[in-house]
Amino acid sequence: FGIPLNLVLLNEIGQLMLLWVQHCAHRLEEAF
């Protein structure tokens, strides 16, 4: 039961990281 849970969590954390990077990049686009 833990391996599927781990895969789901890794996917969600990866998507959260991607959203954070996109947010920072968007701020840099607006600034520069």
PDB file of all heavy atoms in Angstrom:
ATOM      1  N   PHE A   1       0.812  -1.208   0.000  1.00  0.00           N
ATOM      2  CA  PHE A   1       0.000   0.000   0.000  1.00  0.00           C
ATOM      3  C   PHE A   1       0.855   1.273   0.000  1.00  0.00           C
ATOM      4  O   PHE A   1       0.395   2.333  -0.431  1.00  0.00           O
ATOM      5  CB  PHE A   1      -0.928   0.016   1.223  1.00  0.00           C
ATOM      6  CG  PHE A   1      -1.969  -1.052   1.199  1.00  0.00           C
ATOM      7  CD1 PHE A   1      -1.769  -2.250   1.872  1.00  0.00           C
ATOM      8  CD2 PHE A   1      -3.137  -0.883   0.491  1.00  0.00           C
ATOM      9  CE1 PHE A   1      -2.732  -3.247   1.851  1.00  0.00           C
ATOM     10  CE2 PHE A   1      -4.112  -1.874   0.459  1.00  0.00           C
ATOM     11  CZ  PHE A   1      -3.901  -3.065   1.143  1.00  0.00           C
ATOM     12  N   GLY A   2       2.078   1.165   0.483  1.00  0.00           N
ATOM     13  CA  GLY A   2       2.918   2.350   0.591  1.00  0.00           C
ATOM     14  C   GLY A   2       3.526   2.796  -0.719  1.00  0.00           C
ATOM     15  O   GLY A   2       3.695   3.996  -0.957  1.00  0.00           O
ATOM     16  N   ILE A   3       3.851   1.846  -1.609  1.00  0.00           N
ATOM     17  CA  ILE A   3       4.476   2.212  -2.888  1.00  0.00           C
ATOM     18  C   ILE A   3       3.526   3.042  -3.752  1.00  0.00           C
ATOM     19  O   ILE A   3       3.918   4.085  -4.283  1.00  0.00           O
ATOM     20  CB  ILE A   3       4.969   0.948  -3.618  1.00  0.00           C
ATOM     21  CG1 ILE A   3       6.159   0.338  -2.863  1.00  0.00           C
ATOM     22  CG2 ILE A   3       5.377   1.272  -5.052  1.00  0.00           C
ATOM     23  CD1 ILE A   3       6.635  -0.987  -3.430  1.00  0.00           C
ATOM     24  N   PRO A   4       2.249   2.642  -3.941  1.00  0.00           N
ATOM     25  CA  PRO A   4       1.346   3.532  -4.695  1.00  0.00           C
ATOM     26  C   PRO A   4       1.160   4.894  -4.036  1.00  0.00           C
ATOM     27  O   PRO A   4       1.100   5.925  -4.722  1.00  0.00           O
ATOM     28  CB  PRO A   4       0.028   2.750  -4.728  1.00  0.00           C
ATOM     29  CG  PRO A   4       0.414   1.331  -4.521  1.00  0.00           C
ATOM     30  CD  PRO A   4       1.585   1.373  -3.596  1.00  0.00           C
ATOM     31  N   LEU A   5       1.054   4.897  -2.704  1.00  0.00           N
ATOM     32  CA  LEU A   5       0.930   6.171  -2.000  1.00  0.00           C
ATOM     33  C   LEU A   5       2.155   7.044  -2.237  1.00  0.00           C
ATOM     34  O   LEU A   5       2.032   8.265  -2.440  1.00  0.00           O
ATOM     35  CB  LEU A   5       0.740   5.913  -0.506  1.00  0.00           C
ATOM     36  CG  LEU A   5       0.659   7.149   0.397  1.00  0.00           C
ATOM     37  CD1 LEU A   5      -0.547   8.000   0.027  1.00  0.00           C
ATOM     38  CD2 LEU A   5       0.600   6.734   1.857  1.00  0.00           C
ATOM     39  N   ASN A   6       3.320   6.434  -2.243  1.00  0.00           N
ATOM     40  CA  ASN A   6       4.551   7.192  -2.484  1.00  0.00           C
ATOM     41  C   ASN A   6       4.574   7.773  -3.893  1.00  0.00           C
ATOM     42  O   ASN A   6       4.978   8.921  -4.096  1.00  0.00           O
ATOM     43  CB  ASN A   6       5.754   6.280  -2.266  1.00  0.00           C
ATOM     44  CG  ASN A   6       7.069   6.947  -2.607  1.00  0.00           C
ATOM     45  OD1 ASN A   6       7.565   7.801  -1.886  1.00  0.00           O
ATOM     46  ND2 ASN A   6       7.648   6.563  -3.727  1.00  0.00           N
ATOM     47  N   LEU A   7       4.116   7.002  -4.880  1.00  0.00           N
ATOM     48  CA  LEU A   7       4.098   7.495  -6.259  1.00  0.00           C
ATOM     49  C   LEU A   7       3.149   8.680  -6.411  1.00  0.00           C
ATOM     50  O   LEU A   7       3.470   9.667  -7.092  1.00  0.00           O
ATOM     51  CB  LEU A   7       3.698   6.360  -7.204  1.00  0.00           C
ATOM     52  CG  LEU A   7       4.681   5.195  -7.321  1.00  0.00           C
ATOM     53  CD1 LEU A   7       4.116   4.108  -8.218  1.00  0.00           C
ATOM     54  CD2 LEU A   7       6.032   5.671  -7.841  1.00  0.00           C
ATOM     55  N   VAL A   8       1.982   8.580  -5.773  1.00  0.00           N
ATOM     56  CA  VAL A   8       1.031   9.692  -5.838  1.00  0.00           C
ATOM     57  C   VAL A   8       1.622  10.934  -5.184  1.00  0.00           C
ATOM     58  O   VAL A   8       1.520  12.056  -5.716  1.00  0.00           O
ATOM     59  CB  VAL A   8      -0.297   9.292  -5.166  1.00  0.00           C
ATOM     60  CG1 VAL A   8      -1.231  10.490  -5.053  1.00  0.00           C
ATOM     61  CG2 VAL A   8      -0.971   8.172  -5.950  1.00  0.00           C
ATOM     62  N   LEU A   9       2.250  10.752  -4.025  1.00  0.00           N
ATOM     63  CA  LEU A   9       2.831  11.893  -3.317  1.00  0.00           C
ATOM     64  C   LEU A   9       3.967  12.513  -4.117  1.00  0.00           C
ATOM     65  O   LEU A   9       4.081  13.746  -4.195  1.00  0.00           O
ATOM     66  CB  LEU A   9       3.325  11.454  -1.943  1.00  0.00           C
ATOM     67  CG  LEU A   9       3.955  12.555  -1.077  1.00  0.00           C
ATOM     68  CD1 LEU A   9       2.945  13.674  -0.816  1.00  0.00           C
ATOM     69  CD2 LEU A   9       4.475  11.981   0.228  1.00  0.00           C
ATOM     70  N   LEU A  10       4.819  11.693  -4.717  1.00  0.00           N
ATOM     71  CA  LEU A  10       5.916  12.223  -5.525  1.00  0.00           C
ATOM     72  C   LEU A  10       5.388  13.038  -6.700  1.00  0.00           C
ATOM     73  O   LEU A  10       5.941  14.097  -7.033  1.00  0.00           O
ATOM     74  CB  LEU A  10       6.799  11.077  -6.032  1.00  0.00           C
ATOM     75  CG  LEU A  10       7.666  10.352  -5.007  1.00  0.00           C
ATOM     76  CD1 LEU A  10       8.481   9.267  -5.690  1.00  0.00           C
ATOM     77  CD2 LEU A  10       8.583  11.323  -4.277  1.00  0.00           C
ATOM     78  N   ASN A  11       4.318  12.554  -7.337  1.00  0.00           N
ATOM     79  CA  ASN A  11       3.733  13.293  -8.454  1.00  0.00           C
ATOM     80  C   ASN A  11       3.180  14.638  -7.998  1.00  0.00           C
ATOM     81  O   ASN A  11       3.384  15.664  -8.670  1.00  0.00           O
ATOM     82  CB  ASN A  11       2.639  12.453  -9.100  1.00  0.00           C
ATOM     83  CG  ASN A  11       2.029  13.135 -10.303  1.00  0.00           C
ATOM     84  OD1 ASN A  11       2.683  13.359 -11.311  1.00  0.00           O
ATOM     85  ND2 ASN A  11       0.761  13.483 -10.191  1.00  0.00           N
ATOM     86  N   GLU A  12       2.502  14.653  -6.846  1.00  0.00           N
ATOM     87  CA  GLU A  12       1.937  15.910  -6.345  1.00  0.00           C
ATOM     88  C   GLU A  12       3.042  16.885  -5.941  1.00  0.00           C
ATOM     89  O   GLU A  12       2.955  18.087  -6.220  1.00  0.00           O
ATOM     90  CB  GLU A  12       1.020  15.633  -5.149  1.00  0.00           C
ATOM     91  CG  GLU A  12      -0.250  14.873  -5.509  1.00  0.00           C
ATOM     92  CD  GLU A  12      -1.130  15.651  -6.469  1.00  0.00           C
ATOM     93  OE1 GLU A  12      -1.161  16.896  -6.357  1.00  0.00           O
ATOM     94  OE2 GLU A  12      -1.765  15.023  -7.326  1.00  0.00           O
ATOM     95  N   ILE A  13       4.090  16.390  -5.298  1.00  0.00           N
ATOM     96  CA  ILE A  13       5.196  17.268  -4.914  1.00  0.00           C
ATOM     97  C   ILE A  13       5.895  17.814  -6.151  1.00  0.00           C
ATOM     98  O   ILE A  13       6.262  18.993  -6.210  1.00  0.00           O
ATOM     99  CB  ILE A  13       6.189  16.515  -4.009  1.00  0.00           C
ATOM    100  CG1 ILE A  13       5.531  16.168  -2.670  1.00  0.00           C
ATOM    101  CG2 ILE A  13       7.436  17.349  -3.764  1.00  0.00           C
ATOM    102  CD1 ILE A  13       6.414  15.343  -1.758  1.00  0.00           C
ATOM    103  N   GLY A  14       6.058  16.954  -7.178  1.00  0.00           N
ATOM    104  CA  GLY A  14       6.674  17.417  -8.411  1.00  0.00           C
ATOM    105  C   GLY A  14       5.855  18.495  -9.095  1.00  0.00           C
ATOM    106  O   GLY A  14       6.404  19.496  -9.581  1.00  0.00           O
ATOM    107  N   GLN A  15       4.532  18.317  -9.127  1.00  0.00           N
ATOM    108  CA  GLN A  15       3.676  19.340  -9.721  1.00  0.00           C
ATOM    109  C   GLN A  15       3.733  20.639  -8.919  1.00  0.00           C
ATOM    110  O   GLN A  15       3.711  21.738  -9.493  1.00  0.00           O
ATOM    111  CB  GLN A  15       2.231  18.830  -9.796  1.00  0.00           C
ATOM    112  CG  GLN A  15       2.045  17.648 -10.727  1.00  0.00           C
ATOM    113  CD  GLN A  15       2.383  17.971 -12.161  1.00  0.00           C
ATOM    114  OE1 GLN A  15       2.192  19.096 -12.628  1.00  0.00           O
ATOM    115  NE2 GLN A  15       2.911  16.991 -12.876  1.00  0.00           N
ATOM    116  N   LEU A  16       3.807  20.525  -7.586  1.00  0.00           N
ATOM    117  CA  LEU A  16       3.908  21.717  -6.750  1.00  0.00           C
ATOM    118  C   LEU A  16       5.222  22.456  -7.007  1.00  0.00           C
ATOM    119  O   LEU A  16       5.248  23.689  -7.076  1.00  0.00           O
ATOM    120  CB  LEU A  16       3.796  21.320  -5.271  1.00  0.00           C
ATOM    121  CG  LEU A  16       3.759  22.470  -4.254  1.00  0.00           C
ATOM    122  CD1 LEU A  16       2.526  23.334  -4.485  1.00  0.00           C
ATOM    123  CD2 LEU A  16       3.758  21.919  -2.832  1.00  0.00           C
ATOM    124  N   MET A  17       6.302  21.692  -7.156  1.00  0.00           N
ATOM    125  CA  MET A  17       7.589  22.315  -7.489  1.00  0.00           C
ATOM    126  C   MET A  17       7.516  23.024  -8.829  1.00  0.00           C
ATOM    127  O   MET A  17       8.032  24.142  -8.989  1.00  0.00           O
ATOM    128  CB  MET A  17       8.690  21.246  -7.525  1.00  0.00           C
ATOM    129  CG  MET A  17       9.079  20.684  -6.185  1.00  0.00           C
ATOM    130  SD  MET A  17      10.394  19.446  -6.356  1.00  0.00           S
ATOM    131  CE  MET A  17      10.695  19.055  -4.632  1.00  0.00           C
ATOM    132  N   LEU A  18       6.864  22.384  -9.801  1.00  0.00           N
ATOM    133  CA  LEU A  18       6.752  22.991 -11.123  1.00  0.00           C
ATOM    134  C   LEU A  18       5.941  24.283 -11.066  1.00  0.00           C
ATOM    135  O   LEU A  18       6.302  25.284 -11.703  1.00  0.00           O
ATOM    136  CB  LEU A  18       6.109  21.997 -12.085  1.00  0.00           C
ATOM    137  CG  LEU A  18       5.956  22.466 -13.536  1.00  0.00           C
ATOM    138  CD1 LEU A  18       7.313  22.777 -14.137  1.00  0.00           C
ATOM    139  CD2 LEU A  18       5.246  21.400 -14.359  1.00  0.00           C
ATOM    140  N   LEU A  19       4.851  24.289 -10.296  1.00  0.00           N
ATOM    141  CA  LEU A  19       4.055  25.501 -10.159  1.00  0.00           C
ATOM    142  C   LEU A  19       4.852  26.613  -9.482  1.00  0.00           C
ATOM    143  O   LEU A  19       4.741  27.786  -9.866  1.00  0.00           O
ATOM    144  CB  LEU A  19       2.790  25.198  -9.346  1.00  0.00           C
ATOM    145  CG  LEU A  19       1.741  24.322 -10.034  1.00  0.00           C
ATOM    146  CD1 LEU A  19       0.594  24.026  -9.083  1.00  0.00           C
ATOM    147  CD2 LEU A  19       1.227  24.993 -11.301  1.00  0.00           C
ATOM    148  N   TRP A  20       5.657  26.255  -8.495  1.00  0.00           N
ATOM    149  CA  TRP A  20       6.467  27.266  -7.810  1.00  0.00           C
ATOM    150  C   TRP A  20       7.499  27.863  -8.750  1.00  0.00           C
ATOM    151  O   TRP A  20       7.708  29.080  -8.776  1.00  0.00           O
ATOM    152  CB  TRP A  20       7.147  26.634  -6.602  1.00  0.00           C
ATOM    153  CG  TRP A  20       8.017  27.581  -5.851  1.00  0.00           C
ATOM    154  CD1 TRP A  20       7.633  28.542  -4.967  1.00  0.00           C
ATOM    155  CD2 TRP A  20       9.450  27.666  -5.938  1.00  0.00           C
ATOM    156  NE1 TRP A  20       8.727  29.226  -4.490  1.00  0.00           N
ATOM    157  CE2 TRP A  20       9.860  28.711  -5.071  1.00  0.00           C
ATOM    158  CE3 TRP A  20      10.420  26.970  -6.646  1.00  0.00           C
ATOM    159  CZ2 TRP A  20      11.189  29.063  -4.900  1.00  0.00           C
ATOM    160  CZ3 TRP A  20      11.757  27.308  -6.482  1.00  0.00           C
ATOM    161  CH2 TRP A  20      12.117  28.352  -5.622  1.00  0.00           C
ATOM    162  N   VAL A  21       8.140  27.015  -9.542  1.00  0.00           N
ATOM    163  CA  VAL A  21       9.131  27.509 -10.500  1.00  0.00           C
ATOM    164  C   VAL A  21       8.474  28.378 -11.554  1.00  0.00           C
ATOM    165  O   VAL A  21       8.999  29.428 -11.949  1.00  0.00           O
ATOM    166  CB  VAL A  21       9.878  26.317 -11.141  1.00  0.00           C
ATOM    167  CG1 VAL A  21      10.779  26.788 -12.270  1.00  0.00           C
ATOM    168  CG2 VAL A  21      10.713  25.592 -10.090  1.00  0.00           C
ATOM    169  N   GLN A  22       7.291  27.960 -12.027  1.00  0.00           N
ATOM    170  CA  GLN A  22       6.569  28.765 -13.018  1.00  0.00           C
ATOM    171  C   GLN A  22       6.158  30.108 -12.437  1.00  0.00           C
ATOM    172  O   GLN A  22       6.195  31.134 -13.130  1.00  0.00           O
ATOM    173  CB  GLN A  22       5.345  27.990 -13.506  1.00  0.00           C
ATOM    174  CG  GLN A  22       5.664  26.803 -14.380  1.00  0.00           C
ATOM    175  CD  GLN A  22       4.431  26.031 -14.764  1.00  0.00           C
ATOM    176  OE1 GLN A  22       3.368  26.203 -14.168  1.00  0.00           O
ATOM    177  NE2 GLN A  22       4.550  25.157 -15.753  1.00  0.00           N
ATOM    178  N   HIS A  23       5.766  30.123 -11.172  1.00  0.00           N
ATOM    179  CA  HIS A  23       5.394  31.382 -10.524  1.00  0.00           C
ATOM    180  C   HIS A  23       6.600  32.315 -10.445  1.00  0.00           C
ATOM    181  O   HIS A  23       6.494  33.516 -10.754  1.00  0.00           O
ATOM    182  CB  HIS A  23       4.848  31.094  -9.124  1.00  0.00           C
ATOM    183  CG  HIS A  23       4.509  32.328  -8.351  1.00  0.00           C
ATOM    184  ND1 HIS A  23       3.419  33.134  -8.651  1.00  0.00           N
ATOM    185  CD2 HIS A  23       5.122  32.919  -7.278  1.00  0.00           C
ATOM    186  CE1 HIS A  23       3.375  34.152  -7.821  1.00  0.00           C
ATOM    187  NE2 HIS A  23       4.388  34.043  -6.964  1.00  0.00           N
ATOM    188  N   CYS A  24       7.754  31.776 -10.047  1.00  0.00           N
ATOM    189  CA  CYS A  24       8.964  32.610  -9.982  1.00  0.00           C
ATOM    190  C   CYS A  24       9.362  33.109 -11.360  1.00  0.00           C
ATOM    191  O   CYS A  24       9.756  34.271 -11.523  1.00  0.00           O
ATOM    192  CB  CYS A  24      10.104  31.807  -9.348  1.00  0.00           C
ATOM    193  SG  CYS A  24       9.848  31.359  -7.623  1.00  0.00           S
ATOM    194  N   ALA A  25       9.256  32.232 -12.348  1.00  0.00           N
ATOM    195  CA  ALA A  25       9.605  32.643 -13.704  1.00  0.00           C
ATOM    196  C   ALA A  25       8.662  33.720 -14.220  1.00  0.00           C
ATOM    197  O   ALA A  25       9.075  34.652 -14.917  1.00  0.00           O
ATOM    198  CB  ALA A  25       9.591  31.430 -14.628  1.00  0.00           C
ATOM    199  N   HIS A  26       7.385  33.601 -13.873  1.00  0.00           N
ATOM    200  CA  HIS A  26       6.410  34.615 -14.292  1.00  0.00           C
ATOM    201  C   HIS A  26       6.733  35.968 -13.666  1.00  0.00           C
ATOM    202  O   HIS A  26       6.616  37.009 -14.333  1.00  0.00           O
ATOM    203  CB  HIS A  26       5.009  34.162 -13.906  1.00  0.00           C
ATOM    204  CG  HIS A  26       3.933  35.116 -14.340  1.00  0.00           C
ATOM    205  ND1 HIS A  26       3.626  35.337 -15.669  1.00  0.00           N
ATOM    206  CD2 HIS A  26       3.100  35.925 -13.618  1.00  0.00           C
ATOM    207  CE1 HIS A  26       2.648  36.228 -15.751  1.00  0.00           C
ATOM    208  NE2 HIS A  26       2.316  36.596 -14.519  1.00  0.00           N
ATOM    209  N   ARG A  27       7.158  35.949 -12.397  1.00  0.00           N
ATOM    210  CA  ARG A  27       7.533  37.204 -11.757  1.00  0.00           C
ATOM    211  C   ARG A  27       8.752  37.821 -12.452  1.00  0.00           C
ATOM    212  O   ARG A  27       8.816  39.047 -12.656  1.00  0.00           O
ATOM    213  CB  ARG A  27       7.840  36.950 -10.283  1.00  0.00           C
ATOM    214  CG  ARG A  27       6.608  36.629  -9.448  1.00  0.00           C
ATOM    215  CD  ARG A  27       5.670  37.833  -9.417  1.00  0.00           C
ATOM    216  NE  ARG A  27       4.499  37.613  -8.595  1.00  0.00           N
ATOM    217  CZ  ARG A  27       4.447  37.849  -7.289  1.00  0.00           C
ATOM    218  NH1 ARG A  27       5.519  38.325  -6.665  1.00  0.00           N
ATOM    219  NH2 ARG A  27       3.341  37.629  -6.610  1.00  0.00           N
ATOM    220  N   LEU A  28       9.721  36.973 -12.834  1.00  0.00           N
ATOM    221  CA  LEU A  28      10.893  37.491 -13.534  1.00  0.00           C
ATOM    222  C   LEU A  28      10.523  38.029 -14.913  1.00  0.00           C
ATOM    223  O   LEU A  28      11.095  39.024 -15.376  1.00  0.00           O
ATOM    224  CB  LEU A  28      11.945  36.383 -13.672  1.00  0.00           C
ATOM    225  CG  LEU A  28      12.614  35.915 -12.370  1.00  0.00           C
ATOM    226  CD1 LEU A  28      13.569  34.756 -12.649  1.00  0.00           C
ATOM    227  CD2 LEU A  28      13.373  37.068 -11.718  1.00  0.00           C
ATOM    228  N   GLU A  29       9.567  37.376 -15.573  1.00  0.00           N
ATOM    229  CA  GLU A  29       9.122  37.875 -16.876  1.00  0.00           C
ATOM    230  C   GLU A  29       8.509  39.260 -16.755  1.00  0.00           C
ATOM    231  O   GLU A  29       8.760  40.144 -17.583  1.00  0.00           O
ATOM    232  CB  GLU A  29       8.098  36.906 -17.469  1.00  0.00           C
ATOM    233  CG  GLU A  29       8.686  35.568 -17.887  1.00  0.00           C
ATOM    234  CD  GLU A  29       7.594  34.613 -18.312  1.00  0.00           C
ATOM    235  OE1 GLU A  29       6.475  35.073 -18.610  1.00  0.00           O
ATOM    236  OE2 GLU A  29       7.864  33.398 -18.340  1.00  0.00           O
ATOM    237  N   GLU A  30       7.685  39.430 -15.721  1.00  0.00           N
ATOM    238  CA  GLU A  30       7.056  40.732 -15.537  1.00  0.00           C
ATOM    239  C   GLU A  30       8.075  41.802 -15.160  1.00  0.00           C
ATOM    240  O   GLU A  30       7.934  42.964 -15.558  1.00  0.00           O
ATOM    241  CB  GLU A  30       5.991  40.629 -14.449  1.00  0.00           C
ATOM    242  CG  GLU A  30       4.797  39.769 -14.843  1.00  0.00           C
ATOM    243  CD  GLU A  30       3.782  39.695 -13.722  1.00  0.00           C
ATOM    244  OE1 GLU A  30       4.136  40.115 -12.592  1.00  0.00           O
ATOM    245  OE2 GLU A  30       2.647  39.231 -13.969  1.00  0.00           O
ATOM    246  N   ALA A  31       9.107  41.414 -14.419  1.00  0.00           N
ATOM    247  CA  ALA A  31      10.096  42.390 -13.970  1.00  0.00           C
ATOM    248  C   ALA A  31      11.070  42.770 -15.075  1.00  0.00           C
ATOM    249  O   ALA A  31      11.438  43.940 -15.225  1.00  0.00           O
ATOM    250  CB  ALA A  31      10.856  41.855 -12.755  1.00  0.00           C
ATOM    251  N   PHE A  32      11.493  41.768 -15.876  1.00  0.00           N
ATOM    252  CA  PHE A  32      12.535  42.031 -16.877  1.00  0.00           C
ATOM    253  C   PHE A  32      12.028  41.876 -18.306  1.00  0.00           C
ATOM    254  O   PHE A  32      12.818  41.974 -19.242  1.00  0.00           O
ATOM    255  CB  PHE A  32      13.721  41.078 -16.659  1.00  0.00           C
ATOM    256  CG  PHE A  32      14.369  41.231 -15.304  1.00  0.00           C
ATOM    257  CD1 PHE A  32      14.052  40.361 -14.272  1.00  0.00           C
ATOM    258  CD2 PHE A  32      15.274  42.253 -15.066  1.00  0.00           C
ATOM    259  CE1 PHE A  32      14.643  40.495 -13.025  1.00  0.00           C
ATOM    260  CE2 PHE A  32      15.867  42.400 -13.825  1.00  0.00           C
ATOM    261  CZ  PHE A  32      15.548  41.521 -12.797  1.00  0.00           C
TER     262      PHE A  32
END
